[in-house]
């Protein structure tokens, strides 16, 4: 039996192809989500090389700069975000199935693009705030490795920084 070989297409063409391969009934909503993400994160790189889903990244951050993806899995249109975005917006996501990193919007209902924009901006903020805590240069990495275990425990963590802005209103 011949094995099917997939060709990876990245960039806007890959996103166009992903949307074109979904059922016609959800294509308009996927395009709207795409527009909302692009407005919320101008200049982000569009790509489909992670999980073959449309995803968005900025160079120079952890997880290859990825901060949001969208996908369709019947019967849901899904938005994949960095934790703890979903946990911090539970009240706004009532009626949607959620996991730690995925919001599943029922495909047969309207999706608030204002909410999508808010979630994307928050995911981007989580990524940028986390990167402030990571050592950037070789010398910073060396300094961190030379710390004793007790000294490392006292270093600020991404969780500490994230929890410091959890209760702040989102602009």
Foldseek 3Di string as FASTA:
>chain_A
DDDDDDDFDWFPVLQVVQLVPDDPLQSVVSVLLVVLLCVLPPPWTWTLPPVNFTWTADDDFPPRRTAWTWHDDPQWTKIFGAPPLCVLCVVVLPVWDDDNGMTTDGSVDDDDSVVSSQSSNVSNVLRVLQRVQDDDDPVSVVVQVPDDPVVNVPRDHSVNRVVVCSPPDGD
